[in-house]
Amino acid sequence: MTALYYTIGVVVFAVAIMASIGLHEFGHLIPAKKFGGKVTQWFVGFGPTVWSKKIGETEYGIKAIPLGGYVKIVGMLPPGKGSDGDETRVRKSNTGMFTQLISDARAAEWEHIGPEDRDRLFYKRAWWQKVVVMSGGPLVNIAIAFFLFWGIFATVGQVVDAEVDPVVAEVVPCIVPADEDGRVCTAEELRDNPSPAAAAGLEAGDRFVSFNGEPVTSWEQVQEDIRANDDGRATIVVERDGEQVVLEATTSVQPRPLDAGSLELTEVGFLGVLPEVRLISETGGPIYTVQQMGSMTVEVVKSLSELPVKVYGVARAIVGLEERDPNGPVSVVGGGRLAGEVAAEESFLLKDKVTTLVMLIAGFNLFIGLFNFIPLLPLDGGHIAGALYEGLRRAWARLRGAPDPGYVDVARLLPIAYVMGLALLVMGVVLIIGDIVVPLHLTS
């Protein structure tokens, strides 16, 4: 059943991300058509076409490689100089590598544009309409994230703190090295090397009342008393089923980390019990969700600024030069693996599995939305920046009484777009390989 649940988790995540990509593209398509533009294609995925259907003037379809999507809006690039006033003429021969690249892009853009499309070209839209169209996609992802987070925050709530009670949640059955905590004890270890807690008869649910005659008020106190007891005898009073029970134990000195997550080990007294942890959650509505997403946005922006360095760290982890950062970036492949592990985790209740999966999908949508606002081509933010610059330039010309400077030619930025596109491709490939070779796990 674990393999089945894992598969279900992966499929749910993959379908949700593909649906998010499709809705992202609708975020571009709908306003583009609303403003009179012509959209000839809406596709999810890249590569060979798996399925498509033409409805009106737009072909809708799915492609074989599910790593993105696109819409084809007619007239994204102006014809440029050399058209001699005829917008259907595009110069195809130029001097210089970058100039030729730009010319080739214009030619490809205008290959299927006819005179009947003259008034529907995207570059002719008002600057604010361009901003609306190009913002529509990433805003859809942010809206998806908002509604998913809101659904969780308004029902299950968000864990904001945890309280540790002096109650035994689990008795460690045998003594194992600190770096092997959590593994199953062998029959020999259970017989020859039981933990002091197991030997003393402590049970899950026991509440500490006193330790060596000192009343217990918190788990921190119990922990300090155990560590300070070294390998000495201890009289422990616990409350069990409403009655007090006196137990005799002998703590054992073991190398243990003094702080959670610490790699440094210190010789301290060891009993072998895990405390009961109560998670404290808080719920909230749309305003609370906006506040939380604001904090998340700050963290995502910070992560985006460090993305190239983080991806370089993944590359080093792939070749074994360092450990992979458990808080580093993952691709959709890594997200799918994490979703599968969440669904297959036997210790999670169904509610916890659903909550974690929804939060994972919401987090990916928030990241995708904010990532696309980076003001560099070929991302949506690059087109938005160009449209805003066009609006400012024309407004400034009007204020000065100068002639209209015309449309901003984003084609001139295509060399930057090619470099940026190559960088994104390389980073994407590195992350995918990392998620296969050195994947992050739920317990990382």
Protein backbone atom coordinates (compact mmCIF):
# COMPACT_ATOMS: atom_id res chain seq x y z
CA MET A 1 0.00 0.00 0.00
CA THR A 2 2.95 2.36 0.64
CA ALA A 3 3.93 2.29 -3.06
CA LEU A 4 0.31 2.98 -4.02
CA TYR A 5 0.05 5.95 -1.67
CA TYR A 6 3.40 7.26 -2.93
CA THR A 7 2.15 7.07 -6.51
CA ILE A 8 -1.09 8.82 -5.57
CA GLY A 9 0.86 11.64 -3.94
CA VAL A 10 3.08 12.10 -7.01
CA VAL A 11 0.09 12.05 -9.38
CA VAL A 12 -1.91 14.53 -7.29
CA PHE A 13 1.04 16.93 -7.17
CA ALA A 14 1.77 16.58 -10.90
CA VAL A 15 -1.86 17.14 -11.90
CA ALA A 16 -2.14 20.14 -9.56
CA ILE A 17 1.02 21.75 -10.97
CA MET A 18 -0.05 21.13 -14.56
CA ALA A 19 -3.46 22.61 -13.78
CA SER A 20 -1.72 25.62 -12.25
CA ILE A 21 0.38 26.06 -15.39
CA GLY A 22 -2.73 25.83 -17.56
CA LEU A 23 -4.53 28.43 -15.45
CA HIS A 24 -1.40 30.62 -15.59
CA GLU A 25 -1.62 30.60 -19.37
CA PHE A 26 -5.34 31.37 -19.23
CA GLY A 27 -4.33 34.37 -17.13
CA HIS A 28 -2.56 35.67 -20.25
CA LEU A 29 -5.05 34.40 -22.83
CA ILE A 30 -8.29 35.82 -21.40
CA PRO A 31 -7.23 39.47 -21.04
CA ALA A 32 -5.33 39.33 -24.35
CA LYS A 33 -8.53 38.34 -26.14
CA LYS A 34 -10.55 40.80 -24.06
CA PHE A 35 -8.37 43.64 -25.37
CA GLY A 36 -8.83 42.51 -28.97
CA GLY A 37 -5.61 40.54 -29.34
CA LYS A 38 -5.27 37.34 -31.31
CA VAL A 39 -4.16 34.19 -29.48
CA THR A 40 -3.40 31.29 -31.79
CA GLN A 41 -2.10 28.70 -29.30
CA TRP A 42 -2.58 27.65 -25.65
CA PHE A 43 -0.37 24.73 -24.64
CA VAL A 44 0.67 23.03 -21.43
CA GLY A 45 4.09 21.41 -21.76
CA PHE A 46 6.77 21.51 -24.45
CA GLY A 47 7.99 19.22 -27.20
CA PRO A 48 5.81 16.93 -29.34
CA THR A 49 2.06 17.50 -29.19
CA VAL A 50 0.15 14.76 -27.36
CA TRP A 51 -3.32 16.20 -27.92
CA SER A 52 -4.79 19.39 -29.33
CA LYS A 53 -8.11 20.81 -30.43
CA LYS A 54 -8.79 24.05 -32.27
CA ILE A 55 -11.63 26.15 -30.95
CA GLY A 56 -12.23 29.28 -32.97
CA GLU A 57 -8.86 30.81 -33.83
CA THR A 58 -7.04 29.21 -30.87
CA GLU A 59 -5.48 25.75 -30.71
CA TYR A 60 -5.60 24.25 -27.20
CA GLY A 61 -3.38 21.30 -26.39
CA ILE A 62 -0.99 19.30 -24.24
CA LYS A 63 2.62 18.51 -25.10
CA ALA A 64 4.84 15.63 -24.05
CA ILE A 65 7.27 17.38 -21.65
CA PRO A 66 5.28 18.71 -18.68
CA LEU A 67 7.75 21.38 -17.59
CA GLY A 68 5.88 24.57 -18.43
CA GLY A 69 3.44 26.03 -20.89
CA TYR A 70 2.85 28.95 -23.23
CA VAL A 71 0.34 30.99 -25.18
CA LYS A 72 1.07 32.39 -28.62
CA ILE A 73 -0.11 36.00 -28.78
CA VAL A 74 0.18 37.46 -32.26
CA GLY A 75 2.42 40.49 -32.71
CA MET A 76 4.54 40.42 -29.56
CA LEU A 77 7.50 41.89 -31.52
CA PRO A 78 7.22 44.99 -33.73
CA PRO A 79 8.56 44.66 -37.30
CA GLY A 80 11.49 47.00 -36.58
CA LYS A 81 13.45 49.19 -38.95
CA GLY A 82 13.57 48.23 -42.60
CA SER A 83 9.86 47.52 -42.98
CA ASP A 84 9.46 50.78 -44.93
CA GLY A 85 6.10 51.42 -43.32
CA ASP A 86 4.76 48.03 -44.37
CA GLU A 87 4.23 46.02 -41.16
CA THR A 88 4.05 42.74 -43.05
CA ARG A 89 7.61 43.19 -44.34
CA VAL A 90 10.42 42.12 -42.03
CA ARG A 91 14.07 42.38 -42.94
CA LYS A 92 15.63 38.90 -42.90
CA SER A 93 19.30 39.60 -43.64
CA ASN A 94 21.45 41.62 -41.22
CA THR A 95 25.03 42.19 -40.25
CA GLY A 96 26.14 40.97 -36.81
CA MET A 97 25.27 37.87 -34.82
CA PHE A 98 22.93 39.53 -32.31
CA THR A 99 21.30 41.66 -35.00
CA GLN A 100 20.66 38.54 -37.03
CA LEU A 101 19.20 36.75 -34.00
CA ILE A 102 16.77 39.62 -33.49
CA SER A 103 15.93 39.66 -37.20
CA ASP A 104 15.28 35.90 -37.21
CA ALA A 105 12.98 36.26 -34.21
CA ARG A 106 11.02 39.02 -35.95
CA ALA A 107 10.76 36.93 -39.12
CA ALA A 108 9.45 33.93 -37.16
CA GLU A 109 7.00 36.19 -35.34
CA TRP A 110 5.63 37.70 -38.54
CA GLU A 111 5.67 34.60 -40.73
CA HIS A 112 1.99 33.85 -40.14
CA ILE A 113 0.75 37.42 -39.67
CA GLY A 114 -1.36 38.82 -42.44
CA PRO A 115 -2.82 42.24 -43.23
CA GLU A 116 -6.08 41.23 -41.52
CA ASP A 117 -4.20 41.03 -38.20
CA ARG A 118 -2.88 44.60 -38.42
CA ASP A 119 -5.21 46.02 -35.73
CA ARG A 120 -4.86 43.04 -33.37
CA LEU A 121 -1.10 43.04 -32.89
CA PHE A 122 -0.03 42.85 -29.27
CA TYR A 123 2.75 45.43 -29.49
CA LYS A 124 0.11 48.01 -30.51
CA ARG A 125 -1.92 47.54 -27.32
CA ALA A 126 -1.88 50.34 -24.77
CA TRP A 127 0.96 49.97 -22.30
CA TRP A 128 -1.42 49.29 -19.41
CA GLN A 129 -3.16 46.56 -21.40
CA LYS A 130 0.21 44.89 -21.95
CA VAL A 131 0.86 45.06 -18.21
CA VAL A 132 -2.52 43.48 -17.47
CA VAL A 133 -1.99 40.68 -20.01
CA MET A 134 1.54 39.81 -18.89
CA SER A 135 0.70 40.13 -15.19
CA GLY A 136 -2.33 37.90 -15.57
CA GLY A 137 -0.36 34.65 -15.57
CA PRO A 138 1.72 35.08 -12.40
CA LEU A 139 -1.20 36.75 -10.62
CA VAL A 140 -3.25 33.60 -11.26
CA ASN A 141 -0.56 31.54 -9.52
CA ILE A 142 -0.53 33.93 -6.58
CA ALA A 143 -4.34 33.78 -6.44
CA ILE A 144 -4.22 29.95 -6.42
CA ALA A 145 -1.71 30.09 -3.57
CA PHE A 146 -3.92 32.55 -1.69
CA PHE A 147 -7.05 30.40 -1.88
CA LEU A 148 -5.18 27.22 -0.98
CA PHE A 149 -3.47 28.86 2.00
CA TRP A 150 -6.74 30.48 3.04
CA GLY A 151 -8.49 27.12 2.95
CA ILE A 152 -5.85 25.64 5.26
CA PHE A 153 -5.57 28.62 7.60
CA ALA A 154 -9.36 28.92 7.95
CA THR A 155 -9.89 25.23 8.78
CA VAL A 156 -6.86 23.32 10.02
CA GLY A 157 -4.88 26.40 10.96
CA GLN A 158 -1.14 26.97 10.99
CA VAL A 159 1.27 25.63 13.58
CA VAL A 160 2.85 28.65 15.26
CA ASP A 161 4.38 27.08 18.35
CA ALA A 162 4.84 23.84 20.25
CA GLU A 163 4.71 22.98 23.92
CA VAL A 164 6.63 20.04 25.35
CA ASP A 165 4.92 18.43 28.34
CA PRO A 166 6.66 16.23 30.96
CA VAL A 167 4.69 13.28 29.62
CA VAL A 168 6.22 10.21 28.00
CA ALA A 169 5.20 9.95 24.36
CA GLU A 170 7.53 7.06 23.53
CA VAL A 171 9.95 4.80 25.38
CA VAL A 172 13.15 4.06 23.46
CA PRO A 173 13.42 0.24 23.71
CA CYS A 174 17.22 -0.04 23.46
CA ILE A 175 20.36 2.06 23.44
CA VAL A 176 21.57 2.92 19.93
CA PRO A 177 24.19 5.48 18.80
CA ALA A 178 22.91 9.05 18.44
CA ASP A 179 23.36 9.00 14.66
CA GLU A 180 21.12 5.91 14.46
CA ASP A 181 18.21 7.27 16.49
CA GLY A 182 14.88 5.97 15.27
CA ARG A 183 16.03 2.67 13.83
CA VAL A 184 14.48 -0.61 14.89
CA CYS A 185 16.28 -2.42 17.71
CA THR A 186 17.59 -5.90 17.05
CA ALA A 187 16.49 -8.84 19.19
CA GLU A 188 19.96 -8.94 20.75
CA GLU A 189 19.83 -5.23 21.65
CA LEU A 190 16.41 -5.62 23.21
CA ARG A 191 17.70 -8.49 25.30
CA ASP A 192 21.21 -7.32 26.18
CA ASN A 193 21.10 -3.54 25.95
CA PRO A 194 17.64 -2.18 26.85
CA SER A 195 17.33 1.53 27.54
CA PRO A 196 17.22 2.58 31.22
CA ALA A 197 13.60 3.72 30.71
CA ALA A 198 12.55 0.36 29.28
CA ALA A 199 14.37 -1.51 32.06
CA ALA A 200 12.68 0.66 34.72
CA GLY A 201 9.20 0.00 33.30
CA LEU A 202 8.31 3.50 32.07
CA GLU A 203 5.35 3.53 29.67
CA ALA A 204 3.92 5.90 27.07
CA GLY A 205 1.46 8.24 28.77
CA ASP A 206 3.33 8.41 32.10
CA ARG A 207 3.50 11.96 33.48
CA PHE A 208 6.60 12.81 35.52
CA VAL A 209 5.72 13.89 39.08
CA SER A 210 9.18 13.94 40.62
CA PHE A 211 12.77 12.96 39.87
CA ASN A 212 14.99 12.00 42.82
CA GLY A 213 12.58 13.72 45.18
CA GLU A 214 12.44 17.01 43.25
CA PRO A 215 8.93 17.94 41.99
CA VAL A 216 8.75 18.14 38.19
CA THR A 217 7.22 21.25 36.60
CA SER A 218 8.44 21.02 32.99
CA TRP A 219 10.07 18.74 30.45
CA GLU A 220 13.15 20.98 30.43
CA GLN A 221 13.60 20.22 34.15
CA VAL A 222 13.27 16.46 33.56
CA GLN A 223 15.81 16.68 30.74
CA GLU A 224 18.32 18.58 32.89
CA ASP A 225 17.89 16.17 35.81
CA ILE A 226 18.43 13.13 33.60
CA ARG A 227 21.55 14.59 31.99
CA ALA A 228 23.00 15.61 35.35
CA ASN A 229 22.37 12.16 36.84
CA ASP A 230 25.19 10.64 34.75
CA ASP A 231 25.16 6.88 35.40
CA GLY A 232 23.57 7.08 38.84
CA ARG A 233 20.45 5.65 40.38
CA ALA A 234 17.22 7.60 40.07
CA THR A 235 13.89 7.36 41.84
CA ILE A 236 11.16 8.45 39.45
CA VAL A 237 7.53 9.08 40.42
CA VAL A 238 5.05 9.14 37.54
CA GLU A 239 1.30 9.48 37.28
CA ARG A 240 -0.26 6.55 35.44
CA ASP A 241 -4.02 6.06 35.02
CA GLY A 242 -4.71 8.54 37.83
CA GLU A 243 -2.34 6.88 40.31
CA GLN A 244 1.25 7.62 41.28
CA VAL A 245 3.79 4.89 40.52
CA VAL A 246 7.34 4.81 41.92
CA LEU A 247 10.02 3.46 39.57
CA GLU A 248 13.74 2.84 40.08
CA ALA A 249 16.08 3.48 37.18
CA THR A 250 19.79 3.72 36.49
CA THR A 251 20.63 6.32 33.87
CA SER A 252 23.45 5.59 31.43
CA VAL A 253 26.07 8.03 30.19
CA GLN A 254 25.78 8.36 26.41
CA PRO A 255 27.08 10.82 23.78
CA ARG A 256 24.05 12.92 22.78
CA PRO A 257 23.40 16.29 21.09
CA LEU A 258 22.42 18.93 23.65
CA ASP A 259 20.34 20.90 21.12
CA ALA A 260 17.96 19.78 18.40
CA GLY A 261 19.74 19.59 15.05
CA SER A 262 23.20 19.90 16.60
CA LEU A 263 25.95 17.62 15.32
CA GLU A 264 28.12 18.06 18.40
CA LEU A 265 27.80 15.20 20.91
CA THR A 266 28.30 15.49 24.67
CA GLU A 267 28.55 12.73 27.29
CA VAL A 268 25.41 13.11 29.44
CA GLY A 269 23.02 10.98 31.44
CA PHE A 270 20.54 9.10 29.25
CA LEU A 271 17.16 7.60 30.16
CA GLY A 272 15.53 6.84 26.83
CA VAL A 273 12.18 8.63 26.68
CA LEU A 274 10.66 11.03 24.18
CA PRO A 275 8.32 13.78 25.44
CA GLU A 276 4.79 14.55 24.33
CA VAL A 277 4.73 17.57 22.04
CA ARG A 278 1.56 19.62 21.69
CA LEU A 279 1.40 21.73 18.55
CA ILE A 280 -0.25 25.11 18.93
CA SER A 281 -2.13 26.28 15.85
CA GLU A 282 -3.91 29.47 14.96
CA THR A 283 -6.58 30.01 12.33
CA GLY A 284 -7.46 33.08 10.32
CA GLY A 285 -9.38 34.47 7.37
CA PRO A 286 -8.33 36.35 4.23
CA ILE A 287 -6.56 39.20 6.06
CA TYR A 288 -4.55 36.70 8.10
CA THR A 289 -3.72 34.83 4.89
CA VAL A 290 -2.50 38.02 3.20
CA GLN A 291 -0.31 38.77 6.22
CA GLN A 292 1.20 35.29 6.19
CA MET A 293 1.75 35.39 2.44
CA GLY A 294 3.47 38.74 2.88
CA SER A 295 6.00 37.09 5.18
CA MET A 296 6.35 34.19 2.75
CA THR A 297 6.93 36.62 -0.12
CA VAL A 298 9.85 38.20 1.70
CA GLU A 299 11.40 34.76 2.16
CA VAL A 300 10.78 33.80 -1.49
CA VAL A 301 12.33 37.03 -2.77
CA LYS A 302 15.35 36.39 -0.58
CA SER A 303 15.55 32.83 -1.94
CA LEU A 304 15.32 34.11 -5.53
CA SER A 305 18.25 36.46 -4.92
CA GLU A 306 20.30 33.48 -3.74
CA LEU A 307 19.03 31.02 -6.36
CA PRO A 308 22.16 30.81 -8.57
CA VAL A 309 24.36 30.18 -5.52
CA LYS A 310 21.91 27.59 -4.17
CA VAL A 311 21.79 25.78 -7.53
CA TYR A 312 25.59 25.78 -7.61
CA GLY A 313 25.47 24.08 -4.21
CA VAL A 314 23.15 21.43 -5.67
CA ALA A 315 25.62 20.87 -8.51
CA ARG A 316 28.42 20.33 -5.98
CA ALA A 317 26.20 17.89 -4.07
CA ILE A 318 25.56 15.93 -7.28
CA VAL A 319 29.30 15.27 -7.72
CA GLY A 320 29.77 14.55 -4.01
CA LEU A 321 31.68 17.69 -3.00
CA GLU A 322 29.18 18.67 -0.28
CA GLU A 323 25.95 17.66 1.36
CA ARG A 324 22.77 18.97 -0.21
CA ASP A 325 21.16 21.83 1.69
CA PRO A 326 17.83 20.55 3.09
CA ASN A 327 16.45 24.09 2.81
CA GLY A 328 17.63 24.55 -0.78
CA PRO A 329 15.56 24.71 -3.98
CA VAL A 330 13.89 21.75 -5.65
CA SER A 331 12.42 21.23 -9.10
CA VAL A 332 8.94 19.91 -9.83
CA VAL A 333 10.56 16.46 -9.80
CA GLY A 334 11.71 17.05 -6.22
CA GLY A 335 8.30 18.44 -5.32
CA GLY A 336 6.69 15.31 -6.71
CA ARG A 337 8.99 13.08 -4.66
CA LEU A 338 8.18 15.02 -1.50
CA ALA A 339 4.47 14.78 -2.27
CA GLY A 340 4.83 11.02 -2.69
CA GLU A 341 6.64 10.69 0.63
CA VAL A 342 3.94 12.74 2.38
CA ALA A 343 1.21 10.51 1.00
CA ALA A 344 3.13 7.34 1.92
CA GLU A 345 4.15 8.43 5.44
CA GLU A 346 2.45 5.96 7.78
CA SER A 347 2.73 8.19 10.85
CA PHE A 348 0.65 10.95 9.21
CA LEU A 349 -3.10 11.07 9.64
CA LEU A 350 -5.13 11.59 6.45
CA LYS A 351 -5.82 15.19 7.53
CA ASP A 352 -2.09 15.83 7.94
CA LYS A 353 -1.34 14.34 4.52
CA VAL A 354 -3.96 16.48 2.79
CA THR A 355 -2.84 19.60 4.64
CA THR A 356 0.83 19.07 3.79
CA LEU A 357 0.09 18.35 0.11
CA VAL A 358 -2.09 21.45 -0.21
CA MET A 359 0.57 23.60 1.47
CA LEU A 360 3.22 22.14 -0.86
CA ILE A 361 1.12 22.94 -3.95
CA ALA A 362 0.34 26.42 -2.63
CA GLY A 363 4.02 27.07 -1.96
CA PHE A 364 4.99 26.06 -5.50
CA ASN A 365 2.31 28.38 -6.94
CA LEU A 366 3.54 31.30 -4.85
CA PHE A 367 7.10 30.67 -6.00
CA ILE A 368 6.07 30.34 -9.68
CA GLY A 369 4.06 33.56 -9.48
CA LEU A 370 6.82 35.61 -7.87
CA PHE A 371 9.53 34.07 -10.04
CA ASN A 372 7.70 35.18 -13.20
CA PHE A 373 7.68 38.78 -11.98
CA ILE A 374 11.48 38.97 -12.24
CA PRO A 375 11.93 41.91 -14.68
CA LEU A 376 14.01 40.03 -17.23
CA LEU A 377 13.03 38.44 -20.53
CA PRO A 378 11.89 35.79 -21.33
CA LEU A 379 9.93 35.92 -18.04
CA ASP A 380 6.63 37.77 -17.83
CA GLY A 381 8.32 40.41 -15.69
CA GLY A 382 10.56 41.36 -18.62
CA HIS A 383 7.54 42.18 -20.79
CA ILE A 384 5.91 44.02 -17.88
CA ALA A 385 9.06 46.12 -17.40
CA GLY A 386 9.09 46.97 -21.10
CA ALA A 387 5.43 48.03 -21.05
CA LEU A 388 5.95 50.19 -17.95
CA TYR A 389 8.96 51.82 -19.57
CA GLU A 390 6.89 52.52 -22.67
CA GLY A 391 4.17 54.17 -20.60
CA LEU A 392 6.67 56.33 -18.70
CA ARG A 393 8.53 57.30 -21.87
CA ARG A 394 5.36 58.37 -23.65
CA ALA A 395 4.07 60.25 -20.60
CA TRP A 396 7.39 62.10 -20.28
CA ALA A 397 7.29 63.02 -23.98
CA ARG A 398 3.78 64.44 -23.59
CA LEU A 399 4.85 66.52 -20.57
CA ARG A 400 7.71 68.00 -22.59
CA GLY A 401 5.61 68.49 -25.71
CA ALA A 402 7.95 66.18 -27.58
CA PRO A 403 6.90 63.79 -30.37
CA ASP A 404 5.52 60.39 -29.36
CA PRO A 405 8.56 58.06 -29.05
CA GLY A 406 6.42 55.10 -30.15
CA TYR A 407 6.38 51.53 -28.95
CA VAL A 408 9.20 49.97 -26.97
CA ASP A 409 10.97 47.39 -29.13
CA VAL A 410 11.42 44.44 -26.76
CA ALA A 411 13.09 42.54 -29.59
CA ARG A 412 16.26 44.52 -28.90
CA LEU A 413 16.46 42.74 -25.55
CA LEU A 414 16.31 39.27 -27.10
CA PRO A 415 20.08 38.62 -26.62
CA ILE A 416 19.52 39.09 -22.89
CA ALA A 417 16.48 36.83 -23.14
CA TYR A 418 18.56 34.09 -24.80
CA VAL A 419 21.23 34.31 -22.10
CA MET A 420 18.58 34.32 -19.36
CA GLY A 421 16.75 31.43 -21.01
CA LEU A 422 19.96 29.39 -21.19
CA ALA A 423 20.67 30.13 -17.51
CA LEU A 424 17.16 29.04 -16.54
CA LEU A 425 17.53 25.86 -18.60
CA VAL A 426 20.85 24.99 -16.97
CA MET A 427 19.52 25.66 -13.46
CA GLY A 428 16.41 23.61 -14.19
CA VAL A 429 18.46 20.66 -15.46
CA VAL A 430 20.79 20.82 -12.43
CA LEU A 431 17.84 20.80 -10.03
CA ILE A 432 16.15 17.91 -11.80
CA ILE A 433 19.35 15.85 -11.79
CA GLY A 434 19.87 16.77 -8.14
CA ASP A 435 16.34 15.65 -7.29
CA ILE A 436 17.12 12.29 -8.87
CA VAL A 437 20.71 11.74 -7.70
CA VAL A 438 20.72 13.45 -4.28
CA PRO A 439 17.04 14.01 -3.53
CA LEU A 440 15.69 15.79 -0.50
CA HIS A 441 13.42 13.73 1.71
CA LEU A 442 10.57 14.48 4.05
CA THR A 443 12.84 13.89 7.04
CA SER A 444 15.80 15.88 5.64
